[in-house]
Amino acid sequence: MAKKCEKVEMMVVASKVKAYIKSKGCMTSSDALEALNCRVACLLSCAVERTKANKRSTVKPQDL
């Protein structure tokens, strides 16, 4: 996952992520959600590439 993150629409639910982090006794920085969103976008892009490389159109758990 060494790809450069491009600006993408927010895909993570901020309130859920913040609540999860808070439940673990930590706080969420202002830029953590954007960084997480970037990681999710990269993960999904790689999964789509793998799906296409395997001549499928359905992303499966093993693609992630």
Protein backbone atom coordinates (compact mmCIF):
# COMPACT_ATOMS: atom_id res chain seq x y z
CA MET A 1 0.00 0.00 0.00
CA ALA A 2 2.71 2.47 -0.88
CA LYS A 3 0.57 4.39 -3.34
CA LYS A 4 0.11 8.13 -3.06
CA CYS A 5 -3.30 8.97 -1.65
CA GLU A 6 -5.49 11.05 -3.88
CA LYS A 7 -8.23 13.24 -2.46
CA VAL A 8 -11.37 11.10 -2.24
CA GLU A 9 -14.82 11.48 -0.76
CA MET A 10 -15.05 10.56 2.93
CA MET A 11 -15.91 6.87 3.18
CA VAL A 12 -15.54 6.31 6.90
CA VAL A 13 -18.17 7.28 9.46
CA ALA A 14 -16.39 9.85 11.60
CA SER A 15 -18.65 9.50 14.64
CA LYS A 16 -18.19 5.71 14.69
CA VAL A 17 -14.41 5.94 14.36
CA LYS A 18 -14.18 8.59 17.06
CA ALA A 19 -16.43 6.58 19.39
CA TYR A 20 -14.33 3.46 18.87
CA ILE A 21 -11.08 5.31 19.59
CA LYS A 22 -12.62 6.98 22.64
CA SER A 23 -13.83 3.60 23.94
CA LYS A 24 -10.18 2.50 23.91
CA GLY A 25 -9.19 5.47 26.10
CA CYS A 26 -7.67 7.67 23.39
CA MET A 27 -8.58 10.85 21.55
CA THR A 28 -8.77 11.43 17.78
CA SER A 29 -6.58 14.07 16.15
CA SER A 30 -8.07 16.41 13.60
CA ASP A 31 -6.29 14.77 10.67
CA ALA A 32 -6.63 11.12 11.75
CA LEU A 33 -9.93 10.59 9.91
CA GLU A 34 -8.51 11.89 6.64
CA ALA A 35 -5.51 9.58 7.00
CA LEU A 36 -7.78 6.62 7.74
CA ASN A 37 -9.95 7.49 4.75
CA CYS A 38 -6.82 7.53 2.57
CA ARG A 39 -5.83 4.07 3.80
CA VAL A 40 -9.33 2.74 3.11
CA ALA A 41 -9.31 4.23 -0.41
CA CYS A 42 -5.91 2.68 -1.11
CA LEU A 43 -7.02 -0.71 0.23
CA LEU A 44 -10.11 -0.63 -1.95
CA SER A 45 -8.17 0.47 -5.05
CA CYS A 46 -5.73 -2.42 -4.59
CA ALA A 47 -8.64 -4.83 -4.10
CA VAL A 48 -10.27 -3.65 -7.32
CA GLU A 49 -6.98 -4.06 -9.22
CA ARG A 50 -6.60 -7.61 -7.90
CA THR A 51 -10.23 -8.40 -8.77
CA LYS A 52 -9.74 -7.23 -12.36
CA ALA A 53 -6.41 -9.06 -12.63
CA ASN A 54 -8.25 -12.24 -11.72
CA LYS A 55 -10.82 -11.54 -14.44
CA ARG A 56 -13.67 -11.01 -11.98
CA SER A 57 -16.00 -8.10 -11.34
CA THR A 58 -16.83 -8.90 -7.73
CA VAL A 59 -14.46 -7.83 -4.97
CA LYS A 60 -14.09 -10.71 -2.51
CA PRO A 61 -12.56 -10.91 0.97
CA GLN A 62 -9.34 -12.40 -0.40
CA ASP A 63 -8.87 -9.28 -2.56
CA LEU A 64 -8.60 -7.17 0.56
